[in-house]
PDB file of all heavy atoms in Angstrom:
ATOM      1  N   LYS A   1     -98.812  -4.579 -26.050  1.00  0.00           N
ATOM      2  CA  LYS A   1     -99.641  -5.776 -26.053  1.00  0.00           C
ATOM      3  C   LYS A   1     -99.155  -6.703 -27.136  1.00  0.00           C
ATOM      4  O   LYS A   1     -98.966  -6.320 -28.270  1.00  0.00           O
ATOM      5  CB  LYS A   1    -101.101  -5.413 -26.294  1.00  0.00           C
ATOM      6  CG  LYS A   1    -101.716  -4.655 -25.133  1.00  0.00           C
ATOM      7  CD  LYS A   1    -103.170  -4.398 -25.373  1.00  0.00           C
ATOM      8  CE  LYS A   1    -103.734  -3.662 -24.156  1.00  0.00           C
ATOM      9  NZ  LYS A   1    -105.147  -3.343 -24.344  1.00  0.00           N
ATOM     10  N   ILE A   2     -98.895  -7.940 -26.755  1.00  0.00           N
ATOM     11  CA  ILE A   2     -98.409  -8.942 -27.687  1.00  0.00           C
ATOM     12  C   ILE A   2     -99.445 -10.049 -27.732  1.00  0.00           C
ATOM     13  O   ILE A   2     -99.856 -10.563 -26.689  1.00  0.00           O
ATOM     14  CB  ILE A   2     -97.059  -9.506 -27.222  1.00  0.00           C
ATOM     15  CG1 ILE A   2     -96.068  -8.361 -27.046  1.00  0.00           C
ATOM     16  CG2 ILE A   2     -96.535 -10.530 -28.181  1.00  0.00           C
ATOM     17  CD1 ILE A   2     -94.851  -8.734 -26.287  1.00  0.00           C
ATOM     18  N   LYS A   3     -99.870 -10.415 -28.926  1.00  0.00           N
ATOM     19  CA  LYS A   3    -100.914 -11.419 -29.050  1.00  0.00           C
ATOM     20  C   LYS A   3    -100.360 -12.725 -29.581  1.00  0.00           C
ATOM     21  O   LYS A   3     -99.617 -12.744 -30.534  1.00  0.00           O
ATOM     22  CB  LYS A   3    -102.007 -10.912 -30.007  1.00  0.00           C
ATOM     23  CG  LYS A   3    -102.709  -9.679 -29.491  1.00  0.00           C
ATOM     24  CD  LYS A   3    -103.744  -9.204 -30.470  1.00  0.00           C
ATOM     25  CE  LYS A   3    -104.396  -7.935 -29.960  1.00  0.00           C
ATOM     26  NZ  LYS A   3    -105.347  -7.394 -30.923  1.00  0.00           N
ATOM     27  N   LEU A   4    -100.715 -13.799 -28.933  1.00  0.00           N
ATOM     28  CA  LEU A   4    -100.373 -15.129 -29.425  1.00  0.00           C
ATOM     29  C   LEU A   4    -101.364 -16.102 -28.826  1.00  0.00           C
ATOM     30  O   LEU A   4    -101.573 -16.110 -27.615  1.00  0.00           O
ATOM     31  CB  LEU A   4     -98.965 -15.539 -29.009  1.00  0.00           C
ATOM     32  CG  LEU A   4     -98.605 -16.958 -29.418  1.00  0.00           C
ATOM     33  CD1 LEU A   4     -98.298 -17.011 -30.906  1.00  0.00           C
ATOM     34  CD2 LEU A   4     -97.462 -17.478 -28.630  1.00  0.00           C
ATOM     35  N   ASN A   5    -101.958 -16.886 -29.637  1.00  0.00           N
ATOM     36  CA  ASN A   5    -102.868 -17.932 -29.169  1.00  0.00           C
ATOM     37  C   ASN A   5    -102.047 -19.195 -29.034  1.00  0.00           C
ATOM     38  O   ASN A   5    -101.789 -19.885 -30.003  1.00  0.00           O
ATOM     39  CB  ASN A   5    -104.020 -18.101 -30.160  1.00  0.00           C
ATOM     40  CG  ASN A   5    -104.996 -19.156 -29.674  1.00  0.00           C
ATOM     41  OD1 ASN A   5    -104.744 -19.846 -28.700  1.00  0.00           O
ATOM     42  ND2 ASN A   5    -106.109 -19.259 -30.370  1.00  0.00           N
ATOM     43  N   THR A   6    -101.615 -19.508 -27.809  1.00  0.00           N
ATOM     44  CA  THR A   6    -100.745 -20.673 -27.599  1.00  0.00           C
ATOM     45  C   THR A   6    -101.464 -21.989 -27.887  1.00  0.00           C
ATOM     46  O   THR A   6    -100.826 -23.000 -28.097  1.00  0.00           O
ATOM     47  CB  THR A   6    -100.179 -20.697 -26.176  1.00  0.00           C
ATOM     48  OG1 THR A   6    -101.265 -20.631 -25.251  1.00  0.00           O
ATOM     49  CG2 THR A   6     -99.237 -19.543 -25.956  1.00  0.00           C
ATOM     50  N   GLU A   7    -102.789 -21.975 -27.895  1.00  0.00           N
ATOM     51  CA  GLU A   7    -103.535 -23.199 -28.216  1.00  0.00           C
ATOM     52  C   GLU A   7    -103.312 -23.617 -29.659  1.00  0.00           C
ATOM     53  O   GLU A   7    -103.424 -24.782 -29.995  1.00  0.00           O
ATOM     54  CB  GLU A   7    -105.025 -22.993 -27.945  1.00  0.00           C
ATOM     55  CG  GLU A   7    -105.340 -22.806 -26.481  1.00  0.00           C
ATOM     56  CD  GLU A   7    -106.811 -22.475 -26.250  1.00  0.00           C
ATOM     57  OE1 GLU A   7    -107.576 -22.416 -27.218  1.00  0.00           O
ATOM     58  OE2 GLU A   7    -107.159 -22.282 -25.090  1.00  0.00           O
ATOM     59  N   THR A   8    -103.006 -22.650 -30.545  1.00  0.00           N
ATOM     60  CA  THR A   8    -102.800 -22.987 -31.951  1.00  0.00           C
ATOM     61  C   THR A   8    -101.335 -23.097 -32.318  1.00  0.00           C
ATOM     62  O   THR A   8    -101.012 -23.290 -33.483  1.00  0.00           O
ATOM     63  CB  THR A   8    -103.454 -21.919 -32.851  1.00  0.00           C
ATOM     64  OG1 THR A   8    -102.788 -20.677 -32.639  1.00  0.00           O
ATOM     65  CG2 THR A   8    -104.922 -21.792 -32.609  1.00  0.00           C
ATOM     66  N   MET A   9    -100.440 -22.993 -31.340  1.00  0.00           N
ATOM     67  CA  MET A   9     -99.017 -23.067 -31.663  1.00  0.00           C
ATOM     68  C   MET A   9     -98.730 -24.394 -32.341  1.00  0.00           C
ATOM     69  O   MET A   9     -99.100 -25.441 -31.837  1.00  0.00           O
ATOM     70  CB  MET A   9     -98.168 -22.920 -30.411  1.00  0.00           C
ATOM     71  CG  MET A   9     -96.724 -22.648 -30.749  1.00  0.00           C
ATOM     72  SD  MET A   9     -95.781 -22.110 -29.338  1.00  0.00           S
ATOM     73  CE  MET A   9     -95.329 -23.665 -28.665  1.00  0.00           C
ATOM     74  N   GLY A  10     -98.033 -24.340 -33.446  1.00  0.00           N
ATOM     75  CA  GLY A  10     -97.729 -25.537 -34.189  1.00  0.00           C
ATOM     76  C   GLY A  10     -98.639 -25.722 -35.391  1.00  0.00           C
ATOM     77  O   GLY A  10     -98.384 -26.553 -36.238  1.00  0.00           O
ATOM     78  N   LYS A  11     -99.687 -24.935 -35.475  1.00  0.00           N
ATOM     79  CA  LYS A  11    -100.545 -24.983 -36.657  1.00  0.00           C
ATOM     80  C   LYS A  11    -100.108 -23.906 -37.643  1.00  0.00           C
ATOM     81  O   LYS A  11     -99.243 -23.095 -37.368  1.00  0.00           O
ATOM     82  CB  LYS A  11    -102.000 -24.782 -36.227  1.00  0.00           C
ATOM     83  CG  LYS A  11    -102.506 -25.936 -35.359  1.00  0.00           C
ATOM     84  CD  LYS A  11    -103.951 -25.756 -35.012  1.00  0.00           C
ATOM     85  CE  LYS A  11    -104.407 -26.927 -34.126  1.00  0.00           C
ATOM     86  NZ  LYS A  11    -105.756 -26.740 -33.674  1.00  0.00           N
ATOM     87  N   GLU A  12    -100.740 -23.907 -38.772  1.00  0.00           N
ATOM     88  CA  GLU A  12    -100.397 -22.970 -39.852  1.00  0.00           C
ATOM     89  C   GLU A  12    -100.393 -21.527 -39.380  1.00  0.00           C
ATOM     90  O   GLU A  12    -101.198 -21.131 -38.551  1.00  0.00           O
ATOM     91  CB  GLU A  12    -101.392 -23.163 -40.987  1.00  0.00           C
ATOM     92  CG  GLU A  12    -100.965 -22.472 -42.251  1.00  0.00           C
ATOM     93  CD  GLU A  12    -101.840 -22.892 -43.396  1.00  0.00           C
ATOM     94  OE1 GLU A  12    -101.740 -24.049 -43.828  1.00  0.00           O
ATOM     95  OE2 GLU A  12    -102.616 -22.043 -43.846  1.00  0.00           O
ATOM     96  N   ASN A  13     -99.479 -20.731 -39.943  1.00  0.00           N
ATOM     97  CA  ASN A  13     -99.338 -19.292 -39.692  1.00  0.00           C
ATOM     98  C   ASN A  13     -98.797 -18.951 -38.305  1.00  0.00           C
ATOM     99  O   ASN A  13     -98.981 -17.841 -37.844  1.00  0.00           O
ATOM    100  CB  ASN A  13    -100.660 -18.550 -39.946  1.00  0.00           C
ATOM    101  CG  ASN A  13    -101.079 -18.676 -41.373  1.00  0.00           C
ATOM    102  OD1 ASN A  13    -100.250 -18.680 -42.290  1.00  0.00           O
ATOM    103  ND2 ASN A  13    -102.364 -18.807 -41.612  1.00  0.00           N
ATOM    104  N   ASP A  14     -98.160 -19.858 -37.651  1.00  0.00           N
ATOM    105  CA  ASP A  14     -97.540 -19.545 -36.372  1.00  0.00           C
ATOM    106  C   ASP A  14     -96.026 -19.386 -36.544  1.00  0.00           C
ATOM    107  O   ASP A  14     -95.449 -19.857 -37.507  1.00  0.00           O
ATOM    108  CB  ASP A  14     -97.828 -20.624 -35.330  1.00  0.00           C
ATOM    109  CG  ASP A  14     -99.245 -20.532 -34.815  1.00  0.00           C
ATOM    110  OD1 ASP A  14     -99.826 -19.429 -34.868  1.00  0.00           O
ATOM    111  OD2 ASP A  14     -99.771 -21.556 -34.382  1.00  0.00           O
ATOM    112  N   TRP A  15     -95.419 -18.783 -35.547  1.00  0.00           N
ATOM    113  CA  TRP A  15     -93.999 -18.481 -35.585  1.00  0.00           C
ATOM    114  C   TRP A  15     -93.400 -19.048 -34.291  1.00  0.00           C
ATOM    115  O   TRP A  15     -93.679 -18.531 -33.219  1.00  0.00           O
ATOM    116  CB  TRP A  15     -93.842 -16.982 -35.677  1.00  0.00           C
ATOM    117  CG  TRP A  15     -92.495 -16.474 -36.078  1.00  0.00           C
ATOM    118  CD1 TRP A  15     -91.444 -17.169 -36.566  1.00  0.00           C
ATOM    119  CD2 TRP A  15     -92.070 -15.121 -36.022  1.00  0.00           C
ATOM    120  NE1 TRP A  15     -90.384 -16.340 -36.839  1.00  0.00           N
ATOM    121  CE2 TRP A  15     -90.759 -15.065 -36.506  1.00  0.00           C
ATOM    122  CE3 TRP A  15     -92.694 -13.926 -35.607  1.00  0.00           C
ATOM    123  CZ2 TRP A  15     -90.040 -13.871 -36.587  1.00  0.00           C
ATOM    124  CZ3 TRP A  15     -91.977 -12.763 -35.686  1.00  0.00           C
ATOM    125  CH2 TRP A  15     -90.666 -12.731 -36.172  1.00  0.00           C
ATOM    126  N   TYR A  16     -92.611 -20.101 -34.407  1.00  0.00           N
ATOM    127  CA  TYR A  16     -92.033 -20.678 -33.202  1.00  0.00           C
ATOM    128  C   TYR A  16     -90.770 -21.486 -33.530  1.00  0.00           C
ATOM    129  O   TYR A  16     -90.437 -21.713 -34.674  1.00  0.00           O
ATOM    130  CB  TYR A  16     -93.045 -21.512 -32.424  1.00  0.00           C
ATOM    131  CG  TYR A  16     -93.546 -22.756 -33.091  1.00  0.00           C
ATOM    132  CD1 TYR A  16     -93.039 -24.005 -32.753  1.00  0.00           C
ATOM    133  CD2 TYR A  16     -94.558 -22.707 -34.035  1.00  0.00           C
ATOM    134  CE1 TYR A  16     -93.510 -25.152 -33.340  1.00  0.00           C
ATOM    135  CE2 TYR A  16     -95.034 -23.857 -34.644  1.00  0.00           C
ATOM    136  CZ  TYR A  16     -94.510 -25.076 -34.287  1.00  0.00           C
ATOM    137  OH  TYR A  16     -94.979 -26.225 -34.888  1.00  0.00           O
ATOM    138  N   LEU A  17     -90.096 -21.878 -32.450  1.00  0.00           N
ATOM    139  CA  LEU A  17     -88.829 -22.597 -32.539  1.00  0.00           C
ATOM    140  C   LEU A  17     -88.970 -23.896 -31.765  1.00  0.00           C
ATOM    141  O   LEU A  17     -89.588 -23.921 -30.687  1.00  0.00           O
ATOM    142  CB  LEU A  17     -87.729 -21.748 -31.917  1.00  0.00           C
ATOM    143  CG  LEU A  17     -86.283 -22.225 -32.076  1.00  0.00           C
ATOM    144  CD1 LEU A  17     -85.837 -22.074 -33.536  1.00  0.00           C
ATOM    145  CD2 LEU A  17     -85.372 -21.400 -31.173  1.00  0.00           C
ATOM    146  N   GLU A  18     -88.380 -24.954 -32.302  1.00  0.00           N
ATOM    147  CA  GLU A  18     -88.392 -26.245 -31.610  1.00  0.00           C
ATOM    148  C   GLU A  18     -87.000 -26.850 -31.652  1.00  0.00           C
ATOM    149  O   GLU A  18     -86.393 -26.957 -32.730  1.00  0.00           O
ATOM    150  CB  GLU A  18     -89.410 -27.177 -32.287  1.00  0.00           C
ATOM    151  CG  GLU A  18     -89.616 -28.471 -31.530  1.00  0.00           C
ATOM    152  CD  GLU A  18     -90.765 -29.285 -32.115  1.00  0.00           C
ATOM    153  OE1 GLU A  18     -91.350 -28.900 -33.159  1.00  0.00           O
ATOM    154  OE2 GLU A  18     -91.063 -30.333 -31.511  1.00  0.00           O
ATOM    155  N   ILE A  19     -86.480 -27.212 -30.477  1.00  0.00           N
ATOM    156  CA  ILE A  19     -85.176 -27.868 -30.370  1.00  0.00           C
ATOM    157  C   ILE A  19     -85.382 -29.138 -29.540  1.00  0.00           C
ATOM    158  O   ILE A  19     -85.380 -29.111 -28.307  1.00  0.00           O
ATOM    159  CB  ILE A  19     -84.115 -26.955 -29.715  1.00  0.00           C
ATOM    160  CG1 ILE A  19     -84.085 -25.580 -30.397  1.00  0.00           C
ATOM    161  CG2 ILE A  19     -82.741 -27.625 -29.760  1.00  0.00           C
ATOM    162  CD1 ILE A  19     -83.138 -24.581 -29.750  1.00  0.00           C
ATOM    163  N   PRO A  20     -85.571 -30.276 -30.207  1.00  0.00           N
ATOM    164  CA  PRO A  20     -85.923 -31.515 -29.495  1.00  0.00           C
ATOM    165  C   PRO A  20     -84.910 -31.953 -28.430  1.00  0.00           C
ATOM    166  O   PRO A  20     -85.315 -32.405 -27.358  1.00  0.00           O
ATOM    167  CB  PRO A  20     -86.006 -32.560 -30.622  1.00  0.00           C
ATOM    168  CG  PRO A  20     -86.270 -31.761 -31.851  1.00  0.00           C
ATOM    169  CD  PRO A  20     -85.563 -30.462 -31.649  1.00  0.00           C
ATOM    170  N   CYS A  21     -83.610 -31.823 -28.694  1.00  0.00           N
ATOM    171  CA  CYS A  21     -82.616 -32.357 -27.751  1.00  0.00           C
ATOM    172  C   CYS A  21     -82.592 -31.621 -26.408  1.00  0.00           C
ATOM    173  O   CYS A  21     -82.090 -32.163 -25.433  1.00  0.00           O
ATOM    174  CB  CYS A  21     -81.226 -32.392 -28.394  1.00  0.00           C
ATOM    175  SG  CYS A  21     -80.544 -30.761 -28.702  1.00  0.00           S
ATOM    176  N   ILE A  22     -83.153 -30.400 -26.352  1.00  0.00           N
ATOM    177  CA  ILE A  22     -83.245 -29.707 -25.068  1.00  0.00           C
ATOM    178  C   ILE A  22     -84.709 -29.478 -24.670  1.00  0.00           C
ATOM    179  O   ILE A  22     -85.006 -28.676 -23.780  1.00  0.00           O
ATOM    180  CB  ILE A  22     -82.450 -28.376 -25.053  1.00  0.00           C
ATOM    181  CG1 ILE A  22     -82.935 -27.411 -26.114  1.00  0.00           C
ATOM    182  CG2 ILE A  22     -80.950 -28.648 -25.171  1.00  0.00           C
ATOM    183  CD1 ILE A  22     -82.337 -26.006 -26.026  1.00  0.00           C
ATOM    184  N   LEU A  23     -85.604 -30.194 -25.342  1.00  0.00           N
ATOM    185  CA  LEU A  23     -87.035 -30.165 -25.044  1.00  0.00           C
ATOM    186  C   LEU A  23     -87.626 -28.747 -25.084  1.00  0.00           C
ATOM    187  O   LEU A  23     -88.423 -28.375 -24.232  1.00  0.00           O
ATOM    188  CB  LEU A  23     -87.322 -30.816 -23.679  1.00  0.00           C
ATOM    189  CG  LEU A  23     -86.782 -32.233 -23.504  1.00  0.00           C
ATOM    190  CD1 LEU A  23     -87.012 -32.715 -22.088  1.00  0.00           C
ATOM    191  CD2 LEU A  23     -87.420 -33.175 -24.520  1.00  0.00           C
ATOM    192  N   LEU A  24     -87.246 -27.983 -26.094  1.00  0.00           N
ATOM    193  CA  LEU A  24     -87.731 -26.605 -26.235  1.00  0.00           C
ATOM    194  C   LEU A  24     -88.714 -26.508 -27.379  1.00  0.00           C
ATOM    195  O   LEU A  24     -88.430 -26.962 -28.497  1.00  0.00           O
ATOM    196  CB  LEU A  24     -86.568 -25.641 -26.489  1.00  0.00           C
ATOM    197  CG  LEU A  24     -86.974 -24.192 -26.802  1.00  0.00           C
ATOM    198  CD1 LEU A  24     -87.531 -23.514 -25.546  1.00  0.00           C
ATOM    199  CD2 LEU A  24     -85.811 -23.413 -27.336  1.00  0.00           C
ATOM    200  N   LYS A  25     -89.858 -25.918 -27.107  1.00  0.00           N
ATOM    201  CA  LYS A  25     -90.824 -25.535 -28.127  1.00  0.00           C
ATOM    202  C   LYS A  25     -91.421 -24.225 -27.615  1.00  0.00           C
ATOM    203  O   LYS A  25     -92.120 -24.226 -26.599  1.00  0.00           O
ATOM    204  CB  LYS A  25     -91.905 -26.582 -28.311  1.00  0.00           C
ATOM    205  CG  LYS A  25     -92.862 -26.271 -29.442  1.00  0.00           C
ATOM    206  CD  LYS A  25     -93.838 -27.423 -29.657  1.00  0.00           C
ATOM    207  CE  LYS A  25     -94.732 -27.156 -30.840  1.00  0.00           C
ATOM    208  NZ  LYS A  25     -95.694 -28.267 -31.017  1.00  0.00           N
ATOM    209  N   ALA A  26     -91.101 -23.113 -28.306  1.00  0.00           N
ATOM    210  CA  ALA A  26     -91.496 -21.809 -27.780  1.00  0.00           C
ATOM    211  C   ALA A  26     -91.864 -20.843 -28.902  1.00  0.00           C
ATOM    212  O   ALA A  26     -91.292 -20.890 -29.991  1.00  0.00           O
ATOM    213  CB  ALA A  26     -90.361 -21.216 -26.958  1.00  0.00           C
ATOM    214  N   PRO A  27     -92.821 -19.948 -28.626  1.00  0.00           N
ATOM    215  CA  PRO A  27     -93.268 -18.983 -29.617  1.00  0.00           C
ATOM    216  C   PRO A  27     -92.256 -17.858 -29.822  1.00  0.00           C
ATOM    217  O   PRO A  27     -91.476 -17.535 -28.936  1.00  0.00           O
ATOM    218  CB  PRO A  27     -94.557 -18.425 -29.009  1.00  0.00           C
ATOM    219  CG  PRO A  27     -94.355 -18.574 -27.538  1.00  0.00           C
ATOM    220  CD  PRO A  27     -93.545 -19.836 -27.367  1.00  0.00           C
ATOM    221  N   ILE A  28     -92.278 -17.278 -31.014  1.00  0.00           N
ATOM    222  CA  ILE A  28     -91.397 -16.162 -31.377  1.00  0.00           C
ATOM    223  C   ILE A  28     -92.258 -14.930 -31.632  1.00  0.00           C
ATOM    224  O   ILE A  28     -93.371 -15.043 -32.184  1.00  0.00           O
ATOM    225  CB  ILE A  28     -90.595 -16.499 -32.642  1.00  0.00           C
ATOM    226  CG1 ILE A  28     -89.728 -17.748 -32.433  1.00  0.00           C
ATOM    227  CG2 ILE A  28     -89.738 -15.312 -33.083  1.00  0.00           C
ATOM    228  CD1 ILE A  28     -89.112 -18.324 -33.690  1.00  0.00           C
ATOM    229  N   ALA A  29     -91.754 -13.758 -31.245  1.00  0.00           N
ATOM    230  CA  ALA A  29     -92.416 -12.485 -31.525  1.00  0.00           C
ATOM    231  C   ALA A  29     -91.379 -11.493 -32.008  1.00  0.00           C
ATOM    232  O   ALA A  29     -90.183 -11.627 -31.737  1.00  0.00           O
ATOM    233  CB  ALA A  29     -93.133 -11.954 -30.298  1.00  0.00           C
ATOM    234  N   GLU A  30     -91.829 -10.467 -32.716  1.00  0.00           N
ATOM    235  CA  GLU A  30     -90.930  -9.441 -33.258  1.00  0.00           C
ATOM    236  C   GLU A  30     -90.384  -8.576 -32.136  1.00  0.00           C
ATOM    237  O   GLU A  30     -91.115  -8.141 -31.261  1.00  0.00           O
ATOM    238  CB  GLU A  30     -91.695  -8.576 -34.260  1.00  0.00           C
ATOM    239  CG  GLU A  30     -90.817  -7.672 -35.077  1.00  0.00           C
ATOM    240  CD  GLU A  30     -89.877  -8.462 -35.975  1.00  0.00           C
ATOM    241  OE1 GLU A  30     -90.343  -9.286 -36.776  1.00  0.00           O
ATOM    242  OE2 GLU A  30     -88.657  -8.230 -35.884  1.00  0.00           O
ATOM    243  N   GLY A  31     -89.063  -8.335 -32.167  1.00  0.00           N
ATOM    244  CA  GLY A  31     -88.408  -7.429 -31.219  1.00  0.00           C
ATOM    245  C   GLY A  31     -87.640  -8.159 -30.127  1.00  0.00           C
ATOM    246  O   GLY A  31     -87.880  -9.339 -29.858  1.00  0.00           O
ATOM    247  N   THR A  32     -86.719  -7.431 -29.519  1.00  0.00           N
ATOM    248  CA  THR A  32     -85.914  -8.012 -28.433  1.00  0.00           C
ATOM    249  C   THR A  32     -85.951  -7.156 -27.178  1.00  0.00           C
ATOM    250  O   THR A  32     -85.031  -7.169 -26.394  1.00  0.00           O
ATOM    251  CB  THR A  32     -84.442  -8.200 -28.896  1.00  0.00           C
ATOM    252  OG1 THR A  32     -83.940  -6.954 -29.366  1.00  0.00           O
ATOM    253  CG2 THR A  32     -84.331  -9.268 -29.974  1.00  0.00           C
ATOM    254  N   THR A  33     -87.056  -6.446 -26.990  1.00  0.00           N
ATOM    255  CA  THR A  33     -87.214  -5.689 -25.751  1.00  0.00           C
ATOM    256  C   THR A  33     -87.447  -6.656 -24.605  1.00  0.00           C
ATOM    257  O   THR A  33     -87.830  -7.821 -24.835  1.00  0.00           O
ATOM    258  CB  THR A  33     -88.400  -4.707 -25.828  1.00  0.00           C
ATOM    259  OG1 THR A  33     -89.607  -5.486 -25.978  1.00  0.00           O
ATOM    260  CG2 THR A  33     -88.253  -3.718 -26.979  1.00  0.00           C
ATOM    261  N   LYS A  34     -87.251  -6.195 -23.407  1.00  0.00           N
ATOM    262  CA  LYS A  34     -87.495  -7.021 -22.227  1.00  0.00           C
ATOM    263  C   LYS A  34     -88.941  -7.507 -22.210  1.00  0.00           C
ATOM    264  O   LYS A  34     -89.207  -8.665 -21.902  1.00  0.00           O
ATOM    265  CB  LYS A  34     -87.178  -6.254 -20.946  1.00  0.00           C
ATOM    266  CG  LYS A  34     -87.423  -7.060 -19.682  1.00  0.00           C
ATOM    267  CD  LYS A  34     -87.252  -6.217 -18.445  1.00  0.00           C
ATOM    268  CE  LYS A  34     -87.616  -6.956 -17.182  1.00  0.00           C
ATOM    269  NZ  LYS A  34     -88.954  -7.540 -17.167  1.00  0.00           N
ATOM    270  N   GLU A  35     -89.860  -6.620 -22.580  1.00  0.00           N
ATOM    271  CA  GLU A  35     -91.283  -6.975 -22.573  1.00  0.00           C
ATOM    272  C   GLU A  35     -91.573  -8.132 -23.538  1.00  0.00           C
ATOM    273  O   GLU A  35     -92.344  -9.021 -23.218  1.00  0.00           O
ATOM    274  CB  GLU A  35     -92.149  -5.758 -22.932  1.00  0.00           C
ATOM    275  CG  GLU A  35     -92.173  -4.681 -21.858  1.00  0.00           C
ATOM    276  CD  GLU A  35     -90.937  -3.786 -21.862  1.00  0.00           C
ATOM    277  OE1 GLU A  35     -90.217  -3.737 -22.882  1.00  0.00           O
ATOM    278  OE2 GLU A  35     -90.674  -3.153 -20.838  1.00  0.00           O
ATOM    279  N   VAL A  36     -90.967  -8.106 -24.707  1.00  0.00           N
ATOM    280  CA  VAL A  36     -91.172  -9.202 -25.661  1.00  0.00           C
ATOM    281  C   VAL A  36     -90.536 -10.471 -25.123  1.00  0.00           C
ATOM    282  O   VAL A  36     -91.177 -11.522 -25.083  1.00  0.00           O
ATOM    283  CB  VAL A  36     -90.561  -8.843 -27.053  1.00  0.00           C
ATOM    284  CG1 VAL A  36     -90.548 -10.062 -27.968  1.00  0.00           C
ATOM    285  CG2 VAL A  36     -91.336  -7.707 -27.700  1.00  0.00           C
TER     286      VAL A  36
END
């Protein structure tokens, strides 16, 4: 089970990546398993 409140993405204490030139804004989670 992976928890992330996408409504708060971009506010304090979140972990995410933003790349403006390719219109990417996405959350990050620990691990590189397929499920993650």
